[in-house]
Amino acid sequence: QVQLVESGGGLVQPGGSLRLSCAASGSIFNIYQLGWYRQAPGKQRELVATITRDDSTNYADSVKGRFTISRDNAEKTVILQMNSLKPEDTAVYYCNGRRTVWAPLFSWGQGTQVTVSS
């Protein structure tokens, strides 16, 4: 099973930007879908953005136009570029994926904390 490790979180002011990175322990070339999820305090984990093997992307309505997901198969990384950040984006962000369309998600990692505050 591929291990995914998130990094890049931090404290940023409203309107600022952050770039999250997800490093995979193995090849991601044949992984059907990779994505970013987040969990705010007291809330359930939610989907933020996904990208498939053919680079088709999907975004939660709350982040459309502000966040961009991309994958670099050669570097075995998945990137989430977050712009125009809002306080409601504050959460722990996780990277995950599924090997095929029918497969379950991989095990969850530790995530990376994103805090948007002035």
N, C-alpha and C. Protein backbone atom coordinates (compact mmCIF):
# COMPACT_ATOMS: atom_id res chain seq x y z
N GLN A 1 0.84 -1.19 0.00
CA GLN A 1 0.00 0.00 0.00
C GLN A 1 0.88 1.25 0.00
N VAL A 2 0.48 2.23 -0.75
CA VAL A 2 1.22 3.48 -0.81
C VAL A 2 1.03 4.28 0.47
N GLN A 3 2.12 4.78 1.01
CA GLN A 3 2.06 5.68 2.16
C GLN A 3 2.12 7.12 1.65
N LEU A 4 1.27 7.97 2.21
CA LEU A 4 1.20 9.36 1.78
C LEU A 4 1.51 10.27 2.96
N VAL A 5 2.41 11.22 2.78
CA VAL A 5 2.83 12.12 3.84
C VAL A 5 2.58 13.56 3.41
N GLU A 6 1.79 14.26 4.23
CA GLU A 6 1.43 15.64 3.92
C GLU A 6 2.40 16.63 4.55
N SER A 7 2.57 17.76 3.90
CA SER A 7 3.40 18.84 4.45
C SER A 7 2.96 20.16 3.83
N GLY A 8 3.47 21.25 4.42
CA GLY A 8 3.21 22.56 3.85
C GLY A 8 2.20 23.42 4.59
N GLY A 9 1.59 22.87 5.63
CA GLY A 9 0.62 23.65 6.38
C GLY A 9 1.28 24.75 7.20
N GLY A 10 0.44 25.58 7.81
CA GLY A 10 0.96 26.66 8.64
C GLY A 10 -0.10 27.69 8.95
N LEU A 11 0.35 28.80 9.49
CA LEU A 11 -0.53 29.91 9.84
C LEU A 11 -0.43 30.97 8.75
N VAL A 12 -1.57 31.40 8.26
CA VAL A 12 -1.60 32.40 7.19
C VAL A 12 -2.76 33.36 7.44
N GLN A 13 -2.59 34.59 7.01
CA GLN A 13 -3.65 35.58 7.18
C GLN A 13 -4.73 35.39 6.12
N PRO A 14 -5.94 35.83 6.42
CA PRO A 14 -7.00 35.77 5.40
C PRO A 14 -6.56 36.46 4.12
N GLY A 15 -6.87 35.82 3.00
CA GLY A 15 -6.44 36.34 1.71
C GLY A 15 -5.10 35.81 1.25
N GLY A 16 -4.39 35.14 2.13
CA GLY A 16 -3.08 34.62 1.80
C GLY A 16 -3.14 33.30 1.06
N SER A 17 -1.95 32.73 0.82
CA SER A 17 -1.82 31.50 0.07
C SER A 17 -0.95 30.49 0.79
N LEU A 18 -1.20 29.22 0.53
CA LEU A 18 -0.36 28.13 1.01
C LEU A 18 -0.31 27.07 -0.07
N ARG A 19 0.79 26.33 -0.08
CA ARG A 19 0.95 25.23 -1.02
C ARG A 19 1.22 23.96 -0.23
N LEU A 20 0.25 23.04 -0.28
CA LEU A 20 0.39 21.77 0.41
C LEU A 20 0.98 20.74 -0.54
N SER A 21 1.81 19.86 0.02
CA SER A 21 2.43 18.81 -0.77
C SER A 21 2.17 17.46 -0.14
N CYS A 22 1.94 16.47 -0.96
CA CYS A 22 1.72 15.11 -0.51
C CYS A 22 2.74 14.21 -1.22
N ALA A 23 3.63 13.63 -0.44
CA ALA A 23 4.67 12.78 -1.00
C ALA A 23 4.30 11.32 -0.83
N ALA A 24 4.38 10.58 -1.92
CA ALA A 24 4.04 9.16 -1.90
C ALA A 24 5.29 8.30 -1.77
N SER A 25 5.12 7.15 -1.08
CA SER A 25 6.25 6.25 -0.88
C SER A 25 6.57 5.43 -2.11
N GLY A 26 5.64 5.37 -3.04
CA GLY A 26 5.85 4.61 -4.26
C GLY A 26 5.24 5.33 -5.45
N SER A 27 5.25 4.64 -6.56
CA SER A 27 4.73 5.25 -7.78
C SER A 27 3.25 5.57 -7.67
N ILE A 28 2.87 6.72 -8.19
CA ILE A 28 1.46 7.11 -8.22
C ILE A 28 0.91 7.08 -9.64
N PHE A 29 1.74 6.65 -10.59
CA PHE A 29 1.37 6.71 -12.00
C PHE A 29 0.06 5.97 -12.28
N ASN A 30 -0.10 4.79 -11.68
CA ASN A 30 -1.29 3.98 -11.96
C ASN A 30 -2.39 4.12 -10.93
N ILE A 31 -2.23 5.02 -9.99
CA ILE A 31 -3.28 5.22 -8.99
C ILE A 31 -4.42 5.98 -9.63
N TYR A 32 -5.63 5.43 -9.54
CA TYR A 32 -6.78 5.98 -10.23
C TYR A 32 -7.10 7.41 -9.80
N GLN A 33 -7.15 7.62 -8.49
CA GLN A 33 -7.56 8.94 -7.99
C GLN A 33 -6.76 9.32 -6.75
N LEU A 34 -6.35 10.56 -6.68
CA LEU A 34 -5.71 11.12 -5.50
C LEU A 34 -6.46 12.38 -5.12
N GLY A 35 -6.41 12.70 -3.83
CA GLY A 35 -7.17 13.87 -3.44
C GLY A 35 -6.77 14.43 -2.10
N TRP A 36 -7.33 15.59 -1.81
CA TRP A 36 -7.14 16.25 -0.53
C TRP A 36 -8.48 16.33 0.20
N TYR A 37 -8.41 16.10 1.49
CA TYR A 37 -9.55 16.14 2.37
C TYR A 37 -9.19 17.05 3.55
N ARG A 38 -10.20 17.49 4.28
CA ARG A 38 -9.90 18.30 5.46
C ARG A 38 -10.91 18.04 6.56
N GLN A 39 -10.47 18.29 7.78
CA GLN A 39 -11.35 18.13 8.93
C GLN A 39 -11.13 19.29 9.87
N ALA A 40 -12.18 20.08 10.04
CA ALA A 40 -12.16 21.20 10.96
C ALA A 40 -12.60 20.72 12.34
N PRO A 41 -12.23 21.44 13.39
CA PRO A 41 -12.61 21.03 14.74
C PRO A 41 -14.12 20.86 14.88
N GLY A 42 -14.53 19.73 15.41
CA GLY A 42 -15.94 19.49 15.64
C GLY A 42 -16.74 19.13 14.40
N LYS A 43 -16.06 18.96 13.27
CA LYS A 43 -16.77 18.65 12.03
C LYS A 43 -16.25 17.34 11.43
N GLN A 44 -17.02 16.79 10.53
CA GLN A 44 -16.60 15.58 9.85
C GLN A 44 -15.59 15.92 8.76
N ARG A 45 -14.79 14.92 8.43
CA ARG A 45 -13.83 15.09 7.35
C ARG A 45 -14.59 15.26 6.03
N GLU A 46 -14.11 16.17 5.21
CA GLU A 46 -14.80 16.43 3.95
C GLU A 46 -13.80 16.44 2.79
N LEU A 47 -14.33 16.17 1.62
CA LEU A 47 -13.53 16.18 0.41
C LEU A 47 -13.27 17.62 -0.02
N VAL A 48 -12.02 17.90 -0.38
CA VAL A 48 -11.67 19.24 -0.86
C VAL A 48 -11.49 19.22 -2.39
N ALA A 49 -10.67 18.29 -2.86
CA ALA A 49 -10.39 18.23 -4.29
C ALA A 49 -9.83 16.86 -4.65
N THR A 50 -10.11 16.40 -5.86
CA THR A 50 -9.55 15.15 -6.34
C THR A 50 -9.00 15.33 -7.75
N ILE A 51 -8.08 14.43 -8.10
CA ILE A 51 -7.52 14.42 -9.45
C ILE A 51 -7.35 12.97 -9.86
N THR A 52 -7.78 12.64 -11.06
CA THR A 52 -7.70 11.26 -11.52
C THR A 52 -6.42 11.04 -12.34
N ARG A 53 -6.26 9.80 -12.75
CA ARG A 53 -5.07 9.42 -13.51
C ARG A 53 -4.95 10.20 -14.80
N ASP A 54 -6.10 10.57 -15.38
CA ASP A 54 -6.07 11.33 -16.64
C ASP A 54 -6.19 12.83 -16.39
N ASP A 55 -5.89 13.25 -15.15
CA ASP A 55 -5.85 14.66 -14.77
C ASP A 55 -7.21 15.35 -14.76
N SER A 56 -8.27 14.58 -14.64
CA SER A 56 -9.59 15.16 -14.45
C SER A 56 -9.71 15.59 -12.99
N THR A 57 -10.17 16.82 -12.75
CA THR A 57 -10.23 17.34 -11.39
C THR A 57 -11.66 17.60 -10.94
N ASN A 58 -11.83 17.60 -9.62
CA ASN A 58 -13.12 17.87 -9.02
C ASN A 58 -12.88 18.64 -7.73
N TYR A 59 -13.72 19.64 -7.47
CA TYR A 59 -13.52 20.49 -6.29
C TYR A 59 -14.81 20.64 -5.51
N ALA A 60 -14.67 20.78 -4.21
CA ALA A 60 -15.81 21.15 -3.38
C ALA A 60 -16.24 22.56 -3.77
N ASP A 61 -17.52 22.82 -3.71
CA ASP A 61 -18.02 24.14 -4.10
C ASP A 61 -17.35 25.26 -3.30
N SER A 62 -17.04 24.98 -2.05
CA SER A 62 -16.48 26.01 -1.17
C SER A 62 -15.07 26.45 -1.55
N VAL A 63 -14.38 25.66 -2.39
CA VAL A 63 -13.00 26.01 -2.75
C VAL A 63 -12.82 26.27 -4.24
N LYS A 64 -13.86 26.08 -5.02
CA LYS A 64 -13.76 26.30 -6.47
C LYS A 64 -13.30 27.72 -6.77
N GLY A 65 -12.34 27.82 -7.68
CA GLY A 65 -11.81 29.12 -8.06
C GLY A 65 -10.71 29.61 -7.15
N ARG A 66 -10.50 28.94 -6.03
CA ARG A 66 -9.44 29.37 -5.09
C ARG A 66 -8.34 28.32 -4.94
N PHE A 67 -8.71 27.05 -4.99
CA PHE A 67 -7.76 25.96 -4.81
C PHE A 67 -7.51 25.26 -6.16
N THR A 68 -6.28 24.77 -6.31
CA THR A 68 -5.93 24.01 -7.51
C THR A 68 -5.16 22.76 -7.10
N ILE A 69 -5.62 21.62 -7.58
CA ILE A 69 -4.93 20.36 -7.30
C ILE A 69 -4.17 19.93 -8.55
N SER A 70 -2.98 19.35 -8.33
CA SER A 70 -2.19 18.85 -9.45
C SER A 70 -1.39 17.64 -8.97
N ARG A 71 -0.93 16.84 -9.91
CA ARG A 71 -0.13 15.67 -9.56
C ARG A 71 1.10 15.64 -10.45
N ASP A 72 2.21 15.22 -9.87
CA ASP A 72 3.48 15.06 -10.59
C ASP A 72 3.89 13.61 -10.43
N ASN A 73 3.61 12.81 -11.45
CA ASN A 73 3.88 11.38 -11.34
C ASN A 73 5.38 11.10 -11.20
N ALA A 74 6.20 11.88 -11.86
CA ALA A 74 7.65 11.66 -11.78
C ALA A 74 8.18 11.92 -10.38
N GLU A 75 7.64 12.97 -9.74
CA GLU A 75 8.09 13.31 -8.40
C GLU A 75 7.28 12.60 -7.32
N LYS A 76 6.25 11.86 -7.74
CA LYS A 76 5.38 11.13 -6.81
C LYS A 76 4.75 12.06 -5.78
N THR A 77 4.26 13.19 -6.24
CA THR A 77 3.65 14.16 -5.34
C THR A 77 2.30 14.64 -5.86
N VAL A 78 1.48 15.07 -4.91
CA VAL A 78 0.21 15.70 -5.22
C VAL A 78 0.22 17.05 -4.51
N ILE A 79 -0.09 18.09 -5.26
CA ILE A 79 0.00 19.44 -4.74
C ILE A 79 -1.39 20.05 -4.62
N LEU A 80 -1.61 20.80 -3.55
CA LEU A 80 -2.83 21.60 -3.42
C LEU A 80 -2.40 23.05 -3.23
N GLN A 81 -2.61 23.85 -4.26
CA GLN A 81 -2.33 25.28 -4.18
C GLN A 81 -3.58 25.98 -3.68
N MET A 82 -3.45 26.66 -2.56
CA MET A 82 -4.59 27.32 -1.94
C MET A 82 -4.39 28.82 -1.94
N ASN A 83 -5.26 29.53 -2.61
CA ASN A 83 -5.20 30.99 -2.68
C ASN A 83 -6.45 31.60 -2.06
N SER A 84 -6.38 32.88 -1.77
CA SER A 84 -7.52 33.60 -1.20
C SER A 84 -8.11 32.86 0.00
N LEU A 85 -7.25 32.46 0.89
CA LEU A 85 -7.68 31.65 2.03
C LEU A 85 -8.61 32.43 2.96
N LYS A 86 -9.55 31.68 3.53
CA LYS A 86 -10.55 32.24 4.44
C LYS A 86 -10.44 31.55 5.79
N PRO A 87 -10.90 32.19 6.85
CA PRO A 87 -10.85 31.55 8.17
C PRO A 87 -11.56 30.19 8.18
N GLU A 88 -12.60 30.04 7.39
CA GLU A 88 -13.32 28.77 7.35
C GLU A 88 -12.55 27.66 6.63
N ASP A 89 -11.39 27.99 6.07
CA ASP A 89 -10.52 26.95 5.50
C ASP A 89 -9.64 26.31 6.57
N THR A 90 -9.68 26.85 7.77
CA THR A 90 -8.89 26.29 8.87
C THR A 90 -9.29 24.85 9.14
N ALA A 91 -8.32 23.96 9.11
CA ALA A 91 -8.59 22.53 9.29
C ALA A 91 -7.27 21.76 9.22
N VAL A 92 -7.33 20.48 9.55
CA VAL A 92 -6.23 19.58 9.25
C VAL A 92 -6.49 19.01 7.86
N TYR A 93 -5.51 19.11 7.00
CA TYR A 93 -5.65 18.66 5.61
C TYR A 93 -4.92 17.33 5.42
N TYR A 94 -5.63 16.41 4.77
CA TYR A 94 -5.12 15.07 4.54
C TYR A 94 -5.08 14.77 3.05
N CYS A 95 -4.10 13.97 2.68
CA CYS A 95 -4.00 13.46 1.32
C CYS A 95 -4.42 12.00 1.33
N ASN A 96 -5.13 11.57 0.32
CA ASN A 96 -5.50 10.16 0.24
C ASN A 96 -5.81 9.82 -1.21
N GLY A 97 -6.07 8.55 -1.46
CA GLY A 97 -6.38 8.14 -2.82
C GLY A 97 -6.92 6.74 -2.85
N ARG A 98 -7.27 6.31 -4.05
CA ARG A 98 -7.73 4.94 -4.24
C ARG A 98 -7.10 4.41 -5.52
N ARG A 99 -6.69 3.13 -5.46
CA ARG A 99 -5.93 2.58 -6.56
C ARG A 99 -6.79 2.36 -7.80
N THR A 100 -8.02 1.97 -7.59
CA THR A 100 -8.97 1.81 -8.70
C THR A 100 -10.27 2.50 -8.31
N VAL A 101 -11.17 2.57 -9.23
CA VAL A 101 -12.44 3.25 -8.97
C VAL A 101 -13.25 2.53 -7.90
N TRP A 102 -13.01 1.22 -7.74
CA TRP A 102 -13.78 0.46 -6.75
C TRP A 102 -13.03 0.28 -5.43
N ALA A 103 -11.77 0.63 -5.39
CA ALA A 103 -10.95 0.37 -4.22
C ALA A 103 -11.26 1.33 -3.08
N PRO A 104 -11.03 0.90 -1.85
CA PRO A 104 -11.20 1.81 -0.71
C PRO A 104 -10.05 2.81 -0.66
N LEU A 105 -10.22 3.84 0.14
CA LEU A 105 -9.14 4.79 0.33
C LEU A 105 -7.97 4.12 1.06
N PHE A 106 -6.79 4.65 0.86
CA PHE A 106 -5.62 4.19 1.61
C PHE A 106 -5.77 4.57 3.08
N SER A 107 -4.86 4.11 3.90
CA SER A 107 -4.88 4.50 5.31
C SER A 107 -4.59 6.00 5.43
N TRP A 108 -5.22 6.61 6.43
CA TRP A 108 -5.03 8.04 6.62
C TRP A 108 -3.68 8.33 7.28
N GLY A 109 -3.06 9.44 6.85
CA GLY A 109 -1.82 9.88 7.47
C GLY A 109 -2.09 10.86 8.59
N GLN A 110 -1.05 11.58 8.98
CA GLN A 110 -1.16 12.51 10.11
C GLN A 110 -1.80 13.83 9.71
N GLY A 111 -1.74 14.15 8.44
CA GLY A 111 -2.30 15.42 7.99
C GLY A 111 -1.38 16.59 8.29
N THR A 112 -1.77 17.75 7.79
CA THR A 112 -1.02 18.97 8.04
C THR A 112 -2.00 20.07 8.41
N GLN A 113 -1.67 20.81 9.47
CA GLN A 113 -2.59 21.83 10.00
C GLN A 113 -2.50 23.11 9.18
N VAL A 114 -3.65 23.61 8.78
CA VAL A 114 -3.75 24.91 8.13
C VAL A 114 -4.62 25.80 8.99
N THR A 115 -4.08 26.95 9.38
CA THR A 115 -4.81 27.89 10.21
C THR A 115 -4.83 29.24 9.50
N VAL A 116 -6.03 29.74 9.26
CA VAL A 116 -6.21 31.03 8.60
C VAL A 116 -6.77 32.00 9.62
N SER A 117 -5.93 32.95 10.01
CA SER A 117 -6.33 33.87 11.08
C SER A 117 -5.49 35.13 11.00
N SER A 118 -6.11 36.23 11.41
CA SER A 118 -5.38 37.50 11.46
C SER A 118 -4.82 37.72 12.86
